Every structure is written in structure tokens, then in C-alpha cells.
PDB file of N, CA and C in Angstrom:
ATOM      1  N   VAL A   1      -3.309 188.764 -21.130  1.00  0.00           N
ATOM      2  CA  VAL A   1      -2.351 189.765 -20.706  1.00  0.00           C
ATOM      3  C   VAL A   1      -1.676 190.338 -21.941  1.00  0.00           C
ATOM      4  N   GLY A   2      -1.571 191.648 -21.971  1.00  0.00           N
ATOM      5  CA  GLY A   2      -0.853 192.330 -23.042  1.00  0.00           C
ATOM      6  C   GLY A   2       0.384 193.002 -22.467  1.00  0.00           C
ATOM      7  N   PRO A   3       1.207 193.572 -23.337  1.00  0.00           N
ATOM      8  CA  PRO A   3       2.440 194.195 -22.843  1.00  0.00           C
ATOM      9  C   PRO A   3       2.198 195.372 -21.903  1.00  0.00           C
ATOM     10  N   ALA A   4       1.114 196.126 -22.088  1.00  0.00           N
ATOM     11  CA  ALA A   4       0.851 197.273 -21.212  1.00  0.00           C
ATOM     12  C   ALA A   4       0.574 196.812 -19.777  1.00  0.00           C
ATOM     13  N   LEU A   5      -0.275 195.810 -19.613  1.00  0.00           N
ATOM     14  CA  LEU A   5      -0.575 195.290 -18.274  1.00  0.00           C
ATOM     15  C   LEU A   5       0.659 194.617 -17.677  1.00  0.00           C
ATOM     16  N   TYR A   6       1.392 193.891 -18.500  1.00  0.00           N
ATOM     17  CA  TYR A   6       2.620 193.243 -18.026  1.00  0.00           C
ATOM     18  C   TYR A   6       3.588 194.289 -17.481  1.00  0.00           C
ATOM     19  N   MET A   7       3.822 195.347 -18.232  1.00  0.00           N
ATOM     20  CA  MET A   7       4.777 196.372 -17.805  1.00  0.00           C
ATOM     21  C   MET A   7       4.256 197.161 -16.607  1.00  0.00           C
ATOM     22  N   GLU A   8       2.960 197.361 -16.515  1.00  0.00           N
ATOM     23  CA  GLU A   8       2.390 198.025 -15.334  1.00  0.00           C
ATOM     24  C   GLU A   8       2.674 197.186 -14.086  1.00  0.00           C
ATOM     25  N   THR A   9       2.534 195.876 -14.223  1.00  0.00           N
ATOM     26  CA  THR A   9       2.810 194.967 -13.107  1.00  0.00           C
ATOM     27  C   THR A   9       4.291 194.969 -12.761  1.00  0.00           C
ATOM     28  N   ILE A  10       5.145 194.908 -13.776  1.00  0.00           N
ATOM     29  CA  ILE A  10       6.589 194.934 -13.548  1.00  0.00           C
ATOM     30  C   ILE A  10       6.974 196.243 -12.838  1.00  0.00           C
ATOM     31  N   ALA A  11       6.426 197.373 -13.299  1.00  0.00           N
ATOM     32  CA  ALA A  11       6.743 198.664 -12.683  1.00  0.00           C
ATOM     33  C   ALA A  11       6.311 198.693 -11.214  1.00  0.00           C
ATOM     34  N   ALA A  12       5.184 198.074 -10.899  1.00  0.00           N
ATOM     35  CA  ALA A  12       4.716 198.039  -9.515  1.00  0.00           C
ATOM     36  C   ALA A  12       5.673 197.236  -8.628  1.00  0.00           C
ATOM     37  N   LEU A  13       6.337 196.240  -9.205  1.00  0.00           N
ATOM     38  CA  LEU A  13       7.266 195.406  -8.438  1.00  0.00           C
ATOM     39  C   LEU A  13       8.647 196.040  -8.268  1.00  0.00           C
ATOM     40  N   LYS A  14       8.989 196.996  -9.134  1.00  0.00           N
ATOM     41  CA  LYS A  14      10.273 197.707  -9.092  1.00  0.00           C
ATOM     42  C   LYS A  14      11.470 196.749  -9.011  1.00  0.00           C
ATOM     43  N   PRO A  15      11.581 195.847  -9.981  1.00  0.00           N
ATOM     44  CA  PRO A  15      12.677 194.873  -9.911  1.00  0.00           C
ATOM     45  C   PRO A  15      14.011 195.469 -10.349  1.00  0.00           C
ATOM     46  N   ASP A  16      15.084 194.804  -9.973  1.00  0.00           N
ATOM     47  CA  ASP A  16      16.407 195.158 -10.482  1.00  0.00           C
ATOM     48  C   ASP A  16      16.580 194.625 -11.895  1.00  0.00           C
ATOM     49  N   LEU A  17      15.905 193.500 -12.190  1.00  0.00           N
ATOM     50  CA  LEU A  17      16.060 192.796 -13.446  1.00  0.00           C
ATOM     51  C   LEU A  17      14.761 192.071 -13.768  1.00  0.00           C
ATOM     52  N   TYR A  18      14.353 192.090 -15.029  1.00  0.00           N
ATOM     53  CA  TYR A  18      13.176 191.329 -15.434  1.00  0.00           C
ATOM     54  C   TYR A  18      13.312 190.901 -16.889  1.00  0.00           C
ATOM     55  N   VAL A  19      12.504 189.929 -17.283  1.00  0.00           N
ATOM     56  CA  VAL A  19      12.537 189.356 -18.628  1.00  0.00           C
ATOM     57  C   VAL A  19      11.217 189.648 -19.319  1.00  0.00           C
ATOM     58  N   THR A  20      11.299 190.066 -20.580  1.00  0.00           N
ATOM     59  CA  THR A  20      10.075 190.209 -21.355  1.00  0.00           C
ATOM     60  C   THR A  20       9.569 188.815 -21.711  1.00  0.00           C
ATOM     61  N   LEU A  21       8.315 188.715 -22.011  1.00  0.00           N
ATOM     62  CA  LEU A  21       7.723 187.426 -22.354  1.00  0.00           C
ATOM     63  C   LEU A  21       7.872 187.145 -23.844  1.00  0.00           C
ATOM     64  N   CYS A  22       7.721 185.883 -24.196  1.00  0.00           N
ATOM     65  CA  CYS A  22       7.776 185.527 -25.610  1.00  0.00           C
ATOM     66  C   CYS A  22       6.639 184.564 -25.939  1.00  0.00           C
ATOM     67  N   ASP A  23       6.355 184.473 -27.209  1.00  0.00           N
ATOM     68  CA  ASP A  23       5.373 183.518 -27.718  1.00  0.00           C
ATOM     69  C   ASP A  23       6.126 182.216 -27.944  1.00  0.00           C
ATOM     70  N   GLU A  24       6.116 181.359 -26.956  1.00  0.00           N
ATOM     71  CA  GLU A  24       6.890 180.116 -26.984  1.00  0.00           C
ATOM     72  C   GLU A  24       6.194 179.072 -27.852  1.00  0.00           C
ATOM     73  N   VAL A  25       7.002 178.306 -28.568  1.00  0.00           N
ATOM     74  CA  VAL A  25       6.460 177.229 -29.405  1.00  0.00           C
ATOM     75  C   VAL A  25       7.127 175.916 -29.013  1.00  0.00           C
ATOM     76  N   THR A  26       6.479 174.822 -29.375  1.00  0.00           N
ATOM     77  CA  THR A  26       7.049 173.503 -29.103  1.00  0.00           C
ATOM     78  C   THR A  26       8.175 173.217 -30.092  1.00  0.00           C
ATOM     79  N   ALA A  27       9.010 172.267 -29.756  1.00  0.00           N
ATOM     80  CA  ALA A  27      10.164 171.933 -30.595  1.00  0.00           C
ATOM     81  C   ALA A  27       9.744 171.425 -31.977  1.00  0.00           C
ATOM     82  N   ASP A  28       8.552 170.847 -32.069  1.00  0.00           N
ATOM     83  CA  ASP A  28       8.109 170.298 -33.353  1.00  0.00           C
ATOM     84  C   ASP A  28       7.169 171.246 -34.112  1.00  0.00           C
ATOM     85  N   ALA A  29       7.150 172.521 -33.731  1.00  0.00           N
ATOM     86  CA  ALA A  29       6.270 173.489 -34.404  1.00  0.00           C
ATOM     87  C   ALA A  29       6.698 173.672 -35.862  1.00  0.00           C
ATOM     88  N   ARG A  30       5.716 173.910 -36.692  1.00  0.00           N
ATOM     89  CA  ARG A  30       5.989 174.131 -38.119  1.00  0.00           C
ATOM     90  C   ARG A  30       6.684 175.482 -38.313  1.00  0.00           C
ATOM     91  N   PRO A  31       7.494 175.595 -39.363  1.00  0.00           N
ATOM     92  CA  PRO A  31       8.225 176.845 -39.614  1.00  0.00           C
ATOM     93  C   PRO A  31       7.333 178.084 -39.666  1.00  0.00           C
ATOM     94  N   LYS A  32       6.135 177.958 -40.219  1.00  0.00           N
ATOM     95  CA  LYS A  32       5.231 179.116 -40.293  1.00  0.00           C
ATOM     96  C   LYS A  32       4.829 179.579 -38.889  1.00  0.00           C
ATOM     97  N   ARG A  33       4.571 178.618 -37.993  1.00  0.00           N
ATOM     98  CA  ARG A  33       4.202 178.961 -36.615  1.00  0.00           C
ATOM     99  C   ARG A  33       5.395 179.578 -35.880  1.00  0.00           C
ATOM    100  N   VAL A  34       6.599 179.069 -36.129  1.00  0.00           N
ATOM    101  CA  VAL A  34       7.798 179.616 -35.496  1.00  0.00           C
ATOM    102  C   VAL A  34       8.026 181.054 -35.962  1.00  0.00           C
ATOM    103  N   ALA A  35       7.836 181.311 -37.255  1.00  0.00           N
ATOM    104  CA  ALA A  35       7.999 182.672 -37.776  1.00  0.00           C
ATOM    105  C   ALA A  35       6.981 183.620 -37.151  1.00  0.00           C
ATOM    106  N   ALA A  36       5.745 183.143 -36.987  1.00  0.00           N
ATOM    107  CA  ALA A  36       4.713 183.970 -36.343  1.00  0.00           C
ATOM    108  C   ALA A  36       5.093 184.250 -34.886  1.00  0.00           C
ATOM    109  N   SER A  37       5.648 183.262 -34.211  1.00  0.00           N
ATOM    110  CA  SER A  37       6.091 183.430 -32.831  1.00  0.00           C
ATOM    111  C   SER A  37       7.169 184.507 -32.731  1.00  0.00           C
ATOM    112  N   THR A  38       8.115 184.462 -33.659  1.00  0.00           N
ATOM    113  CA  THR A  38       9.196 185.451 -33.663  1.00  0.00           C
ATOM    114  C   THR A  38       8.643 186.855 -33.893  1.00  0.00           C
ATOM    115  N   LYS A  39       7.723 186.979 -34.816  1.00  0.00           N
ATOM    116  CA  LYS A  39       7.124 188.284 -35.117  1.00  0.00           C
ATOM    117  C   LYS A  39       6.357 188.821 -33.909  1.00  0.00           C
ATOM    118  N   ARG A  40       5.578 187.975 -33.250  1.00  0.00           N
ATOM    119  CA  ARG A  40       4.795 188.405 -32.090  1.00  0.00           C
ATOM    120  C   ARG A  40       5.706 188.768 -30.916  1.00  0.00           C
ATOM    121  N   THR A  41       6.759 187.983 -30.710  1.00  0.00           N
ATOM    122  CA  THR A  41       7.693 188.259 -29.619  1.00  0.00           C
ATOM    123  C   THR A  41       8.415 189.584 -29.842  1.00  0.00           C
ATOM    124  N   THR A  42       8.794 189.858 -31.087  1.00  0.00           N
ATOM    125  CA  THR A  42       9.463 191.118 -31.408  1.00  0.00           C
ATOM    126  C   THR A  42       8.526 192.304 -31.199  1.00  0.00           C
ATOM    127  N   ALA A  43       7.267 192.159 -31.579  1.00  0.00           N
ATOM    128  CA  ALA A  43       6.282 193.229 -31.367  1.00  0.00           C
ATOM    129  C   ALA A  43       6.074 193.482 -29.875  1.00  0.00           C
ATOM    130  N   TRP A  44       6.007 192.416 -29.092  1.00  0.00           N
ATOM    131  CA  TRP A  44       5.858 192.537 -27.630  1.00  0.00           C
ATOM    132  C   TRP A  44       7.058 193.293 -27.065  1.00  0.00           C
ATOM    133  N   LEU A  45       8.255 192.932 -27.505  1.00  0.00           N
ATOM    134  CA  LEU A  45       9.467 193.591 -27.040  1.00  0.00           C
ATOM    135  C   LEU A  45       9.455 195.075 -27.385  1.00  0.00           C
ATOM    136  N   ASP A  46       9.022 195.423 -28.587  1.00  0.00           N
ATOM    137  CA  ASP A  46       8.944 196.835 -28.981  1.00  0.00           C
ATOM    138  C   ASP A  46       8.126 197.637 -27.980  1.00  0.00           C
ATOM    139  N   THR A  47       6.958 197.117 -27.635  1.00  0.00           N
ATOM    140  CA  THR A  47       6.085 197.808 -26.685  1.00  0.00           C
ATOM    141  C   THR A  47       6.721 197.863 -25.304  1.00  0.00           C
ATOM    142  N   CYS A  48       7.335 196.760 -24.875  1.00  0.00           N
ATOM    143  CA  CYS A  48       7.979 196.734 -23.554  1.00  0.00           C
ATOM    144  C   CYS A  48       9.134 197.723 -23.473  1.00  0.00           C
ATOM    145  N   LEU A  49       9.912 197.852 -24.537  1.00  0.00           N
ATOM    146  CA  LEU A  49      11.017 198.817 -24.538  1.00  0.00           C
ATOM    147  C   LEU A  49      10.495 200.247 -24.410  1.00  0.00           C
ATOM    148  N   GLN A  50       9.414 200.557 -25.118  1.00  0.00           N
ATOM    149  CA  GLN A  50       8.824 201.897 -25.024  1.00  0.00           C
ATOM    150  C   GLN A  50       8.310 202.158 -23.611  1.00  0.00           C
ATOM    151  N   LEU A  51       7.620 201.178 -23.046  1.00  0.00           N
ATOM    152  CA  LEU A  51       7.068 201.356 -21.705  1.00  0.00           C
ATOM    153  C   LEU A  51       8.163 201.347 -20.643  1.00  0.00           C
ATOM    154  N   HIS A  52       9.222 200.580 -20.854  1.00  0.00           N
ATOM    155  CA  HIS A  52      10.356 200.600 -19.918  1.00  0.00           C
ATOM    156  C   HIS A  52      10.919 202.016 -19.841  1.00  0.00           C
ATOM    157  N   GLU A  53      11.096 202.636 -20.995  1.00  0.00           N
ATOM    158  CA  GLU A  53      11.611 204.009 -21.025  1.00  0.00           C
ATOM    159  C   GLU A  53      10.661 204.956 -20.295  1.00  0.00           C
ATOM    160  N   GLN A  54       9.367 204.805 -20.538  1.00  0.00           N
ATOM    161  CA  GLN A  54       8.375 205.669 -19.886  1.00  0.00           C
ATOM    162  C   GLN A  54       8.385 205.464 -18.374  1.00  0.00           C
ATOM    163  N   TYR A  55       8.431 204.215 -17.931  1.00  0.00           N
ATOM    164  CA  TYR A  55       8.413 203.926 -16.496  1.00  0.00           C
ATOM    165  C   TYR A  55       9.750 204.243 -15.822  1.00  0.00           C
ATOM    166  N   SER A  56      10.767 204.571 -16.596  1.00  0.00           N
ATOM    167  CA  SER A  56      12.051 204.971 -16.023  1.00  0.00           C
ATOM    168  C   SER A  56      12.101 206.465 -15.724  1.00  0.00           C
ATOM    169  N   LEU A  57      11.160 207.215 -16.278  1.00  0.00           N
ATOM    170  CA  LEU A  57      11.101 208.665 -16.069  1.00  0.00           C
ATOM    171  C   LEU A  57      10.550 208.975 -14.684  1.00  0.00           C
ATOM    172  N   PRO A  58      10.904 210.142 -14.138  1.00  0.00           N
ATOM    173  CA  PRO A  58      10.263 210.573 -12.892  1.00  0.00           C
ATOM    174  C   PRO A  58       8.748 210.627 -13.076  1.00  0.00           C
ATOM    175  N   GLN A  59       8.021 210.420 -12.009  1.00  0.00           N
ATOM    176  CA  GLN A  59       6.559 210.335 -12.056  1.00  0.00           C
ATOM    177  C   GLN A  59       5.938 211.573 -12.703  1.00  0.00           C
ATOM    178  N   GLU A  60       6.498 212.754 -12.440  1.00  0.00           N
ATOM    179  CA  GLU A  60       5.948 213.980 -13.010  1.00  0.00           C
ATOM    180  C   GLU A  60       5.981 213.935 -14.545  1.00  0.00           C
ATOM    181  N   GLN A  61       7.084 213.465 -15.106  1.00  0.00           N
ATOM    182  CA  GLN A  61       7.190 213.366 -16.556  1.00  0.00           C
ATOM    183  C   GLN A  61       6.258 212.295 -17.110  1.00  0.00           C
ATOM    184  N   GLN A  62       6.072 211.206 -16.380  1.00  0.00           N
ATOM    185  CA  GLN A  62       5.144 210.167 -16.809  1.00  0.00           C
ATOM    186  C   GLN A  62       3.729 210.740 -16.914  1.00  0.00           C
ATOM    187  N   GLN A  63       3.336 211.526 -15.900  1.00  0.00           N
ATOM    188  CA  GLN A  63       2.002 212.103 -15.885  1.00  0.00           C
ATOM    189  C   GLN A  63       1.836 213.115 -17.003  1.00  0.00           C
ATOM    190  N   GLN A  64       2.884 213.896 -17.294  1.00  0.00           N
ATOM    191  CA  GLN A  64       2.810 214.857 -18.391  1.00  0.00           C
ATOM    192  C   GLN A  64       2.630 214.135 -19.716  1.00  0.00           C
ATOM    193  N   GLN A  65       3.331 213.025 -19.910  1.00  0.00           N
ATOM    194  CA  GLN A  65       3.199 212.264 -21.146  1.00  0.00           C
ATOM    195  C   GLN A  65       1.808 211.666 -21.282  1.00  0.00           C
ATOM    196  N   GLN A  66       1.199 211.327 -20.160  1.00  0.00           N
ATOM    197  CA  GLN A  66      -0.135 210.749 -20.169  1.00  0.00           C
ATOM    198  C   GLN A  66      -1.218 211.827 -20.130  1.00  0.00           C
ATOM    199  N   GLY A  67      -0.822 213.106 -20.066  1.00  0.00           N
ATOM    200  CA  GLY A  67      -1.784 214.203 -20.053  1.00  0.00           C
ATOM    201  C   GLY A  67      -2.459 214.415 -18.715  1.00  0.00           C
ATOM    202  N   GLN A  68      -1.817 213.988 -17.636  1.00  0.00           N
ATOM    203  CA  GLN A  68      -2.393 214.133 -16.303  1.00  0.00           C
ATOM    204  C   GLN A  68      -1.605 215.163 -15.513  1.00  0.00           C
ATOM    205  N   ALA A  69      -2.296 215.899 -14.670  1.00  0.00           N
ATOM    206  CA  ALA A  69      -1.621 216.831 -13.760  1.00  0.00           C
ATOM    207  C   ALA A  69      -1.356 216.100 -12.463  1.00  0.00           C
ATOM    208  N   GLY A  70      -0.268 216.434 -11.831  1.00  0.00           N
ATOM    209  CA  GLY A  70       0.027 215.785 -10.551  1.00  0.00           C
ATOM    210  C   GLY A  70       1.247 216.399  -9.912  1.00  0.00           C
ATOM    211  N   GLN A  71       1.445 216.064  -8.667  1.00  0.00           N
ATOM    212  CA  GLN A  71       2.584 216.559  -7.911  1.00  0.00           C
ATOM    213  C   GLN A  71       3.695 215.521  -7.935  1.00  0.00           C
ATOM    214  N   GLN A  72       4.918 215.976  -8.117  1.00  0.00           N
ATOM    215  CA  GLN A  72       6.064 215.081  -8.045  1.00  0.00           C
ATOM    216  C   GLN A  72       6.305 214.729  -6.585  1.00  0.00           C
ATOM    217  N   GLN A  73       6.603 213.476  -6.345  1.00  0.00           N
ATOM    218  CA  GLN A  73       6.868 213.023  -4.990  1.00  0.00           C
ATOM    219  C   GLN A  73       8.232 213.547  -4.553  1.00  0.00           C
ATOM    220  N   PRO A  74       8.373 213.964  -3.298  1.00  0.00           N
ATOM    221  CA  PRO A  74       9.667 214.433  -2.820  1.00  0.00           C
ATOM    222  C   PRO A  74      10.722 213.341  -2.977  1.00  0.00           C
ATOM    223  N   GLY A  75      11.901 213.722  -3.461  1.00  0.00           N
ATOM    224  CA  GLY A  75      12.984 212.773  -3.615  1.00  0.00           C
ATOM    225  C   GLY A  75      12.821 211.823  -4.787  1.00  0.00           C
ATOM    226  N   ASP A  76      11.866 212.098  -5.672  1.00  0.00           N
ATOM    227  CA  ASP A  76      11.603 211.222  -6.811  1.00  0.00           C
ATOM    228  C   ASP A  76      12.643 211.468  -7.894  1.00  0.00           C
ATOM    229  N   GLY A  77      13.713 210.662  -7.911  1.00  0.00           N
ATOM    230  CA  GLY A  77      14.781 210.842  -8.876  1.00  0.00           C
ATOM    231  C   GLY A  77      14.551 210.071 -10.159  1.00  0.00           C
ATOM    232  N   GLY A  78      13.549 209.260 -10.212  1.00  0.00           N
ATOM    233  CA  GLY A  78      13.268 208.467 -11.390  1.00  0.00           C
ATOM    234  C   GLY A  78      12.036 207.626 -11.159  1.00  0.00           C
ATOM    235  N   GLY A  79      11.580 207.022 -12.243  1.00  0.00           N
ATOM    236  CA  GLY A  79      10.403 206.181 -12.150  1.00  0.00           C
ATOM    237  C   GLY A  79      10.710 204.819 -11.558  1.00  0.00           C
ATOM    238  N   PRO A  80       9.687 203.963 -11.474  1.00  0.00           N
ATOM    239  CA  PRO A  80       9.856 202.662 -10.827  1.00  0.00           C
ATOM    240  C   PRO A  80      10.837 201.739 -11.546  1.00  0.00           C
ATOM    241  N   LEU A  81      11.083 201.970 -12.835  1.00  0.00           N
ATOM    242  CA  LEU A  81      12.022 201.107 -13.557  1.00  0.00           C
ATOM    243  C   LEU A  81      13.362 201.786 -13.830  1.00  0.00           C
ATOM    244  N   ALA A  82      13.581 202.950 -13.219  1.00  0.00           N
ATOM    245  CA  ALA A  82      14.881 203.616 -13.377  1.00  0.00           C
ATOM    246  C   ALA A  82      15.950 202.699 -12.789  1.00  0.00           C
ATOM    247  N   GLY A  83      16.912 202.338 -13.580  1.00  0.00           N
ATOM    248  CA  GLY A  83      17.981 201.461 -13.127  1.00  0.00           C
ATOM    249  C   GLY A  83      17.695 199.977 -13.288  1.00  0.00           C
ATOM    250  N   SER A  84      16.481 199.614 -13.642  1.00  0.00           N
ATOM    251  CA  SER A  84      16.153 198.200 -13.861  1.00  0.00           C
ATOM    252  C   SER A  84      16.702 197.740 -15.202  1.00  0.00           C
ATOM    253  N   LEU A  85      17.137 196.510 -15.252  1.00  0.00           N
ATOM    254  CA  LEU A  85      17.619 195.920 -16.495  1.00  0.00           C
ATOM    255  C   LEU A  85      16.541 195.024 -17.095  1.00  0.00           C
ATOM    256  N   LEU A  86      16.388 195.110 -18.393  1.00  0.00           N
ATOM    257  CA  LEU A  86      15.410 194.325 -19.128  1.00  0.00           C
ATOM    258  C   LEU A  86      16.162 193.277 -19.943  1.00  0.00           C
ATOM    259  N   LEU A  87      15.789 192.021 -19.782  1.00  0.00           N
ATOM    260  CA  LEU A  87      16.339 190.946 -20.599  1.00  0.00           C
ATOM    261  C   LEU A  87      15.299 190.593 -21.652  1.00  0.00           C
ATOM    262  N   ALA A  88      15.706 190.604 -22.898  1.00  0.00           N
ATOM    263  CA  ALA A  88      14.782 190.306 -23.994  1.00  0.00           C
ATOM    264  C   ALA A  88      14.736 188.805 -24.241  1.00  0.00           C
ATOM    265  N   ALA A  89      13.547 188.241 -24.213  1.00  0.00           N
ATOM    266  CA  ALA A  89      13.369 186.831 -24.549  1.00  0.00           C
ATOM    267  C   ALA A  89      13.473 186.681 -26.064  1.00  0.00           C
ATOM    268  N   LEU A  90      14.112 185.624 -26.493  1.00  0.00           N
ATOM    269  CA  LEU A  90      14.252 185.363 -27.920  1.00  0.00           C
ATOM    270  C   LEU A  90      13.355 184.210 -28.331  1.00  0.00           C
ATOM    271  N   ALA A  91      12.815 184.309 -29.523  1.00  0.00           N
ATOM    272  CA  ALA A  91      11.998 183.249 -30.093  1.00  0.00           C
ATOM    273  C   ALA A  91      12.806 182.562 -31.183  1.00  0.00           C
ATOM    274  N   GLY A  92      12.212 181.593 -31.806  1.00  0.00           N
ATOM    275  CA  GLY A  92      12.864 180.903 -32.909  1.00  0.00           C
ATOM    276  C   GLY A  92      12.754 179.403 -32.832  1.00  0.00           C
ATOM    277  N   GLY A  93      12.258 178.914 -31.692  1.00  0.00           N
ATOM    278  CA  GLY A  93      12.044 177.479 -31.556  1.00  0.00           C
ATOM    279  C   GLY A  93      13.285 176.660 -31.861  1.00  0.00           C
ATOM    280  N   ALA A  94      13.098 175.563 -32.558  1.00  0.00           N
ATOM    281  CA  ALA A  94      14.185 174.643 -32.878  1.00  0.00           C
ATOM    282  C   ALA A  94      14.848 174.963 -34.213  1.00  0.00           C
ATOM    283  N   LEU A  95      14.530 176.123 -34.785  1.00  0.00           N
ATOM    284  CA  LEU A  95      15.074 176.486 -36.098  1.00  0.00           C
ATOM    285  C   LEU A  95      16.218 177.488 -35.925  1.00  0.00           C
ATOM    286  N   PRO A  96      17.465 177.052 -36.109  1.00  0.00           N
ATOM    287  CA  PRO A  96      18.606 177.962 -35.921  1.00  0.00           C
ATOM    288  C   PRO A  96      18.515 179.239 -36.759  1.00  0.00           C
ATOM    289  N   ALA A  97      18.036 179.137 -37.987  1.00  0.00           N
ATOM    290  CA  ALA A  97      17.930 180.332 -38.834  1.00  0.00           C
ATOM    291  C   ALA A  97      16.918 181.321 -38.257  1.00  0.00           C
ATOM    292  N   GLU A  98      15.832 180.810 -37.705  1.00  0.00           N
ATOM    293  CA  GLU A  98      14.810 181.691 -37.112  1.00  0.00           C
ATOM    294  C   GLU A  98      15.333 182.311 -35.822  1.00  0.00           C
ATOM    295  N   ARG A  99      16.093 181.551 -35.025  1.00  0.00           N
ATOM    296  CA  ARG A  99      16.688 182.107 -33.804  1.00  0.00           C
ATOM    297  C   ARG A  99      17.682 183.204 -34.155  1.00  0.00           C
ATOM    298  N   ALA A 100      18.461 182.989 -35.216  1.00  0.00           N
ATOM    299  CA  ALA A 100      19.418 184.016 -35.654  1.00  0.00           C
ATOM    300  C   ALA A 100      18.690 185.268 -36.117  1.00  0.00           C
ATOM    301  N   ARG A 101      17.581 185.089 -36.838  1.00  0.00           N
ATOM    302  CA  ARG A 101      16.785 186.234 -37.286  1.00  0.00           C
ATOM    303  C   ARG A 101      16.211 186.990 -36.092  1.00  0.00           C
ATOM    304  N   ALA A 102      15.729 186.251 -35.094  1.00  0.00           N
ATOM    305  CA  ALA A 102      15.173 186.878 -33.892  1.00  0.00           C
ATOM    306  C   ALA A 102      16.259 187.646 -33.141  1.00  0.00           C
ATOM    307  N   ALA A 103      17.441 187.053 -33.016  1.00  0.00           N
ATOM    308  CA  ALA A 103      18.544 187.719 -32.315  1.00  0.00           C
ATOM    309  C   ALA A 103      18.948 188.994 -33.034  1.00  0.00           C
ATOM    310  N   ALA A 104      18.999 188.945 -34.353  1.00  0.00           N
ATOM    311  CA  ALA A 104      19.356 190.139 -35.128  1.00  0.00           C
ATOM    312  C   ALA A 104      18.301 191.228 -34.962  1.00  0.00           C
ATOM    313  N   ALA A 105      17.034 190.835 -34.937  1.00  0.00           N
ATOM    314  CA  ALA A 105      15.952 191.812 -34.767  1.00  0.00           C
ATOM    315  C   ALA A 105      16.047 192.493 -33.403  1.00  0.00           C
ATOM    316  N   VAL A 106      16.362 191.737 -32.370  1.00  0.00           N
ATOM    317  CA  VAL A 106      16.492 192.308 -31.028  1.00  0.00           C
ATOM    318  C   VAL A 106      17.710 193.226 -30.952  1.00  0.00           C
ATOM    319  N   ALA A 107      18.822 192.792 -31.515  1.00  0.00           N
ATOM    320  CA  ALA A 107      20.053 193.579 -31.453  1.00  0.00           C
ATOM    321  C   ALA A 107      19.914 194.912 -32.166  1.00  0.00           C
ATOM    322  N   ASP A 108      19.022 195.012 -33.155  1.00  0.00           N
ATOM    323  CA  ASP A 108      18.825 196.242 -33.917  1.00  0.00           C
ATOM    324  C   ASP A 108      17.890 197.237 -33.242  1.00  0.00           C
ATOM    325  N   LYS A 109      17.299 196.860 -32.118  1.00  0.00           N
ATOM    326  CA  LYS A 109      16.334 197.738 -31.453  1.00  0.00           C
ATOM    327  C   LYS A 109      17.039 198.900 -30.764  1.00  0.00           C
ATOM    328  N   PRO A 110      16.456 200.103 -30.871  1.00  0.00           N
ATOM    329  CA  PRO A 110      17.001 201.226 -30.093  1.00  0.00           C
ATOM    330  C   PRO A 110      16.857 200.922 -28.600  1.00  0.00           C
ATOM    331  N   GLY A 111      17.861 201.244 -27.851  1.00  0.00           N
ATOM    332  CA  GLY A 111      17.809 201.006 -26.408  1.00  0.00           C
ATOM    333  C   GLY A 111      18.388 199.671 -25.996  1.00  0.00           C
ATOM    334  N   VAL A 112      18.680 198.795 -26.957  1.00  0.00           N
ATOM    335  CA  VAL A 112      19.296 197.512 -26.629  1.00  0.00           C
ATOM    336  C   VAL A 112      20.801 197.706 -26.675  1.00  0.00           C
ATOM    337  N   GLN A 113      21.432 197.449 -25.550  1.00  0.00           N
ATOM    338  CA  GLN A 113      22.865 197.683 -25.447  1.00  0.00           C
ATOM    339  C   GLN A 113      23.566 196.392 -25.071  1.00  0.00           C
ATOM    340  N   GLY A 114      24.730 196.200 -25.638  1.00  0.00           N
ATOM    341  CA  GLY A 114      25.544 195.055 -25.257  1.00  0.00           C
ATOM    342  C   GLY A 114      24.928 193.721 -25.590  1.00  0.00           C
ATOM    343  N   ALA A 115      24.162 193.660 -26.660  1.00  0.00           N
ATOM    344  CA  ALA A 115      23.497 192.414 -27.028  1.00  0.00           C
ATOM    345  C   ALA A 115      24.521 191.368 -27.440  1.00  0.00           C
ATOM    346  N   ARG A 116      24.541 190.268 -26.721  1.00  0.00           N
ATOM    347  CA  ARG A 116      25.409 189.139 -27.030  1.00  0.00           C
ATOM    348  C   ARG A 116      24.543 187.886 -26.998  1.00  0.00           C
ATOM    349  N   PHE A 117      24.637 187.084 -28.014  1.00  0.00           N
ATOM    350  CA  PHE A 117      23.788 185.899 -28.101  1.00  0.00           C
ATOM    351  C   PHE A 117      24.629 184.673 -28.386  1.00  0.00           C
ATOM    352  N   VAL A 118      24.243 183.572 -27.785  1.00  0.00           N
ATOM    353  CA  VAL A 118      24.819 182.274 -28.098  1.00  0.00           C
ATOM    354  C   VAL A 118      23.670 181.437 -28.630  1.00  0.00           C
ATOM    355  N   LEU A 119      23.768 181.039 -29.882  1.00  0.00           N
ATOM    356  CA  LEU A 119      22.706 180.262 -30.497  1.00  0.00           C
ATOM    357  C   LEU A 119      23.138 178.804 -30.586  1.00  0.00           C
ATOM    358  N   ALA A 120      22.519 177.968 -29.791  1.00  0.00           N
ATOM    359  CA  ALA A 120      22.851 176.539 -29.793  1.00  0.00           C
ATOM    360  C   ALA A 120      22.240 175.878 -31.017  1.00  0.00           C
ATOM    361  N   ARG A 121      22.936 174.921 -31.527  1.00  0.00           N
ATOM    362  CA  ARG A 121      22.420 174.163 -32.689  1.00  0.00           C
ATOM    363  C   ARG A 121      21.928 172.817 -32.238  1.00  0.00           C
TER     364      ARG A 121
END
């Protein structure tokens, strides 16, 4: 599963709230593996944020962006994710410094609002 298929599935469900996935590691993972997990999770989030924005648009605009012609559905005020909230999963495993780096990377993303994190030690 990649972020495109994941977001297509999420859009079909039209949730009020959903969580992006992360590359989870075990508590005893080596620092290099934890750093790779953080990088992959951040890349996944980037794609999900872009697709969340696209799936929040009215269907007509989605089709125009995809280069397809189509009719707008009557009463279509927004796409399937209009009004849905996205919770970003954080990576970092058992390494507080890596969790802090992951939190900072998420907080710096365009479209992320009100980011508040509690990092347990």
C-alpha cells in the first residue's frame, strides 16, 4: 500500500477524522533504522497532505486537476475529505531526539495547523 491508495480509500470512507500511517519501529531499533523510519513517515505525510487537499476540493475541480472532463454533482459543496481532520503520525521510536526532530518536521509542513506535541521520555 502506498499513500495514493491509502488516501483513495480514506476518501471513499469520508471520515470526520483519520490518521496517516507511519513506518513503525521496535523499541530496540538501531538509530539508523529509526532515522530512516522518520524520513519515510515524513515523506508519506507530505503525499497525504497533498492528496487531502485535492480530495477536499469539489469533484469538478478534482477532475480538472486530473485532466478529466465530468459533470459536477448537484449540491457538491466539496470533496469527500472537505471538513475531515487529518492526524499526523509521528515516528522516532525510543529516541527522544528523533521524536523531537519528527515533531519539528511535521509542525513545519504547510497545512499543519495547531500542532502541539507531548514527547514522553
